[in-house]
Amino acid sequence: MKIIVVSDSHGRYQELQDIALKNYDATLFLHLGDYELPDYLLHSYTCVRGNCDFSIDAPLKRDLDYPFGRIHMEHGNYIDYHNFSKYIANTHSFIFLFGHTHEKFFKKINDTYVFNPGSISRPRDSDKGSYLIIDINEKTLEVTHRFVDVDL
């Protein structure tokens, strides 16, 4: 299963479309919030709402259950970073996805893989936007960050 994960696109519709077209073979497209676009433009993506979004259709958090385990997704502005490990453990997820910081992040915390794809429009840790590709099945997990040019 190929999963595309983006976050913090802040109105950049064309970049979202380009990513979807480049990864046409993906099973799932996830957006971790701060898309700042009308819901109808995000039909390819399963979304959660970020602190800059005003959608009434997207939830603040979402859990997706698969044979390999649960994917938990949220924007990240409500995460208790002082108790990060405990917060993640309480989601009972195999993969925990968050955005908000505009910085790429990867760490395995206990039995949970924790990822932040960075921002495709306003990166704070690079001069290139980024998103995440997760290739997963019941036996393997491969993760790749991809980069996009942005006008900063």
C-alpha atoms as a PDB file:
ATOM      1  CA  MET A   1       0.000   0.000   0.000  1.00  0.00           C
ATOM      2  CA  LYS A   2       1.437   3.351  -1.042  1.00  0.00           C
ATOM      3  CA  ILE A   3       0.395   6.310   1.119  1.00  0.00           C
ATOM      4  CA  ILE A   4       1.111   9.962   0.317  1.00  0.00           C
ATOM      5  CA  VAL A   5       1.189  12.319   3.317  1.00  0.00           C
ATOM      6  CA  VAL A   6       1.197  16.114   2.977  1.00  0.00           C
ATOM      7  CA  SER A   7       0.711  18.960   5.397  1.00  0.00           C
ATOM      8  CA  ASP A   8       0.660  22.725   5.597  1.00  0.00           C
ATOM      9  CA  SER A   9       0.022  23.479   1.932  1.00  0.00           C
ATOM     10  CA  HIS A  10      -1.574  26.850   2.822  1.00  0.00           C
ATOM     11  CA  GLY A  11      -3.640  27.333  -0.311  1.00  0.00           C
ATOM     12  CA  ARG A  12      -1.206  25.720  -2.757  1.00  0.00           C
ATOM     13  CA  TYR A  13      -3.730  23.775  -4.810  1.00  0.00           C
ATOM     14  CA  GLN A  14      -1.441  23.251  -7.812  1.00  0.00           C
ATOM     15  CA  GLU A  15       1.236  21.582  -5.667  1.00  0.00           C
ATOM     16  CA  LEU A  16      -1.363  19.210  -4.198  1.00  0.00           C
ATOM     17  CA  GLN A  17      -2.539  18.299  -7.693  1.00  0.00           C
ATOM     18  CA  ASP A  18       1.045  17.801  -8.928  1.00  0.00           C
ATOM     19  CA  ILE A  19       1.802  15.470  -6.022  1.00  0.00           C
ATOM     20  CA  ALA A  20      -1.357  13.460  -6.707  1.00  0.00           C
ATOM     21  CA  LEU A  21      -0.500  13.160 -10.415  1.00  0.00           C
ATOM     22  CA  LYS A  22       3.122  12.147  -9.763  1.00  0.00           C
ATOM     23  CA  ASN A  23       1.908   9.479  -7.364  1.00  0.00           C
ATOM     24  CA  TYR A  24      -1.126   8.260  -9.301  1.00  0.00           C
ATOM     25  CA  ASP A  25      -0.435   4.696  -8.122  1.00  0.00           C
ATOM     26  CA  ALA A  26      -0.934   5.556  -4.443  1.00  0.00           C
ATOM     27  CA  THR A  27      -3.759   3.916  -2.525  1.00  0.00           C
ATOM     28  CA  LEU A  28      -4.261   6.729  -0.042  1.00  0.00           C
ATOM     29  CA  PHE A  29      -3.633  10.484   0.018  1.00  0.00           C
ATOM     30  CA  LEU A  30      -3.593  12.102   3.469  1.00  0.00           C
ATOM     31  CA  HIS A  31      -3.520  15.815   4.317  1.00  0.00           C
ATOM     32  CA  LEU A  32      -2.627  16.777   7.883  1.00  0.00           C
ATOM     33  CA  GLY A  33      -4.224  20.202   7.830  1.00  0.00           C
ATOM     34  CA  ASP A  34      -3.622  23.852   7.057  1.00  0.00           C
ATOM     35  CA  TYR A  35      -4.730  23.336   3.475  1.00  0.00           C
ATOM     36  CA  GLU A  36      -6.686  26.629   3.439  1.00  0.00           C
ATOM     37  CA  LEU A  37      -8.791  25.484   0.485  1.00  0.00           C
ATOM     38  CA  PRO A  38     -12.473  24.686   0.004  1.00  0.00           C
ATOM     39  CA  ASP A  39     -13.329  21.062   0.765  1.00  0.00           C
ATOM     40  CA  TYR A  40     -14.384  20.310  -2.814  1.00  0.00           C
ATOM     41  CA  LEU A  41     -10.816  20.933  -4.044  1.00  0.00           C
ATOM     42  CA  LEU A  42      -9.489  18.238  -1.697  1.00  0.00           C
ATOM     43  CA  HIS A  43     -11.532  15.303  -3.011  1.00  0.00           C
ATOM     44  CA  SER A  44      -8.384  13.181  -3.548  1.00  0.00           C
ATOM     45  CA  TYR A  45      -7.224  13.640   0.054  1.00  0.00           C
ATOM     46  CA  THR A  46      -8.441  12.330   3.397  1.00  0.00           C
ATOM     47  CA  CYS A  47      -8.017  15.379   5.625  1.00  0.00           C
ATOM     48  CA  VAL A  48      -7.907  16.613   9.166  1.00  0.00           C
ATOM     49  CA  ARG A  49      -8.446  20.248  10.016  1.00  0.00           C
ATOM     50  CA  GLY A  50      -5.532  22.477  10.970  1.00  0.00           C
ATOM     51  CA  ASN A  51      -5.486  25.709  12.934  1.00  0.00           C
ATOM     52  CA  CYS A  52      -5.711  27.730   9.677  1.00  0.00           C
ATOM     53  CA  ASP A  53      -8.652  25.753   8.251  1.00  0.00           C
ATOM     54  CA  PHE A  54     -12.288  26.663   8.601  1.00  0.00           C
ATOM     55  CA  SER A  55     -13.839  23.524   7.131  1.00  0.00           C
ATOM     56  CA  ILE A  56     -16.748  22.055   9.013  1.00  0.00           C
ATOM     57  CA  ASP A  57     -16.398  18.678   7.283  1.00  0.00           C
ATOM     58  CA  ALA A  58     -12.862  17.736   8.314  1.00  0.00           C
ATOM     59  CA  PRO A  59     -12.325  16.437  11.870  1.00  0.00           C
ATOM     60  CA  LEU A  60      -9.474  17.571  14.119  1.00  0.00           C
ATOM     61  CA  LYS A  61      -8.236  13.969  14.452  1.00  0.00           C
ATOM     62  CA  ARG A  62      -8.796  10.811  12.455  1.00  0.00           C
ATOM     63  CA  ASP A  63      -7.934   7.127  12.931  1.00  0.00           C
ATOM     64  CA  LEU A  64      -7.717   4.748   9.973  1.00  0.00           C
ATOM     65  CA  ASP A  65      -7.528   1.022  10.705  1.00  0.00           C
ATOM     66  CA  TYR A  66      -5.710  -1.382   8.365  1.00  0.00           C
ATOM     67  CA  PRO A  67      -4.421  -4.968   8.682  1.00  0.00           C
ATOM     68  CA  PHE A  68      -0.933  -3.649   9.567  1.00  0.00           C
ATOM     69  CA  GLY A  69      -2.357  -1.390  12.311  1.00  0.00           C
ATOM     70  CA  ARG A  70      -3.878   1.993  12.995  1.00  0.00           C
ATOM     71  CA  ILE A  71      -2.854   5.241  11.318  1.00  0.00           C
ATOM     72  CA  HIS A  72      -3.572   8.228  13.549  1.00  0.00           C
ATOM     73  CA  MET A  73      -3.565  11.632  11.904  1.00  0.00           C
ATOM     74  CA  GLU A  74      -3.940  15.121  13.321  1.00  0.00           C
ATOM     75  CA  HIS A  75      -2.583  18.557  12.576  1.00  0.00           C
ATOM     76  CA  GLY A  76      -0.490  18.803  15.729  1.00  0.00           C
ATOM     77  CA  ASN A  77      -1.477  22.098  17.299  1.00  0.00           C
ATOM     78  CA  TYR A  78      -3.193  20.234  20.182  1.00  0.00           C
ATOM     79  CA  ILE A  79      -0.383  17.743  20.899  1.00  0.00           C
ATOM     80  CA  ASP A  80       0.988  17.674  24.430  1.00  0.00           C
ATOM     81  CA  TYR A  81       4.677  17.937  23.505  1.00  0.00           C
ATOM     82  CA  HIS A  82       5.704  17.790  27.194  1.00  0.00           C
ATOM     83  CA  ASN A  83       4.293  14.249  27.366  1.00  0.00           C
ATOM     84  CA  PHE A  84       4.842  13.340  23.716  1.00  0.00           C
ATOM     85  CA  SER A  85       5.504   9.614  24.246  1.00  0.00           C
ATOM     86  CA  LYS A  86       2.483   9.176  26.499  1.00  0.00           C
ATOM     87  CA  TYR A  87       0.292  11.208  24.132  1.00  0.00           C
ATOM     88  CA  ILE A  88       1.290   8.971  21.209  1.00  0.00           C
ATOM     89  CA  ALA A  89       0.852   5.767  23.236  1.00  0.00           C
ATOM     90  CA  ASN A  90      -2.714   6.791  24.063  1.00  0.00           C
ATOM     91  CA  THR A  91      -3.621   6.768  20.342  1.00  0.00           C
ATOM     92  CA  HIS A  92      -2.834   3.023  20.116  1.00  0.00           C
ATOM     93  CA  SER A  93      -1.474   3.608  16.627  1.00  0.00           C
ATOM     94  CA  PHE A  94       1.155   1.887  14.518  1.00  0.00           C
ATOM     95  CA  ILE A  95       1.743   5.112  12.563  1.00  0.00           C
ATOM     96  CA  PHE A  96       1.234   8.552  14.120  1.00  0.00           C
ATOM     97  CA  LEU A  97       1.134  11.470  11.646  1.00  0.00           C
ATOM     98  CA  PHE A  98       1.195  15.162  12.484  1.00  0.00           C
ATOM     99  CA  GLY A  99       1.998  18.467  10.786  1.00  0.00           C
ATOM    100  CA  HIS A 100       1.877  22.049  12.123  1.00  0.00           C
ATOM    101  CA  THR A 101       5.617  22.536  12.765  1.00  0.00           C
ATOM    102  CA  HIS A 102       6.546  22.814   9.051  1.00  0.00           C
ATOM    103  CA  GLU A 103       9.560  20.591   9.822  1.00  0.00           C
ATOM    104  CA  LYS A 104      10.208  16.995   8.795  1.00  0.00           C
ATOM    105  CA  PHE A 105      10.260  14.500  11.643  1.00  0.00           C
ATOM    106  CA  PHE A 106      10.738  10.761  11.964  1.00  0.00           C
ATOM    107  CA  LYS A 107      11.171   8.730  15.110  1.00  0.00           C
ATOM    108  CA  LYS A 108      10.053   5.377  16.391  1.00  0.00           C
ATOM    109  CA  ILE A 109       8.582   5.795  19.858  1.00  0.00           C
ATOM    110  CA  ASN A 110       8.003   2.430  21.507  1.00  0.00           C
ATOM    111  CA  ASP A 111       5.997   0.507  18.875  1.00  0.00           C
ATOM    112  CA  THR A 112       4.757   3.580  16.985  1.00  0.00           C
ATOM    113  CA  TYR A 113       6.317   5.179  13.918  1.00  0.00           C
ATOM    114  CA  VAL A 114       5.946   8.958  14.213  1.00  0.00           C
ATOM    115  CA  PHE A 115       6.174  11.147  11.111  1.00  0.00           C
ATOM    116  CA  ASN A 116       5.803  14.763  10.127  1.00  0.00           C
ATOM    117  CA  PRO A 117       6.062  15.287   6.355  1.00  0.00           C
ATOM    118  CA  GLY A 118       7.102  18.932   6.718  1.00  0.00           C
ATOM    119  CA  SER A 119       5.361  21.621   4.694  1.00  0.00           C
ATOM    120  CA  ILE A 120       4.910  21.660   0.930  1.00  0.00           C
ATOM    121  CA  SER A 121       4.566  25.452   0.878  1.00  0.00           C
ATOM    122  CA  ARG A 122       6.344  27.048   3.843  1.00  0.00           C
ATOM    123  CA  PRO A 123       9.170  24.798   5.083  1.00  0.00           C
ATOM    124  CA  ARG A 124      11.038  25.923   8.185  1.00  0.00           C
ATOM    125  CA  ASP A 125      13.849  23.378   7.954  1.00  0.00           C
ATOM    126  CA  SER A 126      14.847  23.652   4.277  1.00  0.00           C
ATOM    127  CA  ASP A 127      14.478  25.760   1.159  1.00  0.00           C
ATOM    128  CA  LYS A 128      12.406  22.962  -0.412  1.00  0.00           C
ATOM    129  CA  GLY A 129       8.885  21.899   0.433  1.00  0.00           C
ATOM    130  CA  SER A 130       8.429  18.261   1.394  1.00  0.00           C
ATOM    131  CA  TYR A 131       5.934  15.449   1.625  1.00  0.00           C
ATOM    132  CA  LEU A 132       6.098  11.816   2.669  1.00  0.00           C
ATOM    133  CA  ILE A 133       5.656   8.525   0.853  1.00  0.00           C
ATOM    134  CA  ILE A 134       4.952   5.476   2.995  1.00  0.00           C
ATOM    135  CA  ASP A 135       5.050   2.050   1.342  1.00  0.00           C
ATOM    136  CA  ILE A 136       3.653  -0.475   3.764  1.00  0.00           C
ATOM    137  CA  ASN A 137       2.308  -3.989   3.927  1.00  0.00           C
ATOM    138  CA  GLU A 138       1.942  -6.467   6.773  1.00  0.00           C
ATOM    139  CA  LYS A 139       5.702  -7.197   6.771  1.00  0.00           C
ATOM    140  CA  THR A 140       7.585  -4.085   5.614  1.00  0.00           C
ATOM    141  CA  LEU A 141       7.567  -0.322   6.016  1.00  0.00           C
ATOM    142  CA  GLU A 142       9.525   2.009   3.722  1.00  0.00           C
ATOM    143  CA  VAL A 143       9.456   5.766   4.126  1.00  0.00           C
ATOM    144  CA  THR A 144      10.742   8.445   1.745  1.00  0.00           C
ATOM    145  CA  HIS A 145      10.612  12.218   1.912  1.00  0.00           C
ATOM    146  CA  ARG A 146      10.108  13.876  -1.473  1.00  0.00           C
ATOM    147  CA  PHE A 147      10.871  17.497  -2.166  1.00  0.00           C
ATOM    148  CA  VAL A 148       9.126  20.200  -4.173  1.00  0.00           C
ATOM    149  CA  ASP A 149      10.312  23.641  -5.233  1.00  0.00           C
ATOM    150  CA  VAL A 150       8.438  26.479  -3.587  1.00  0.00           C
ATOM    151  CA  ASP A 151       8.452  30.243  -3.916  1.00  0.00           C
ATOM    152  CA  LEU A 152       9.430  31.337  -0.428  1.00  0.00           C
END
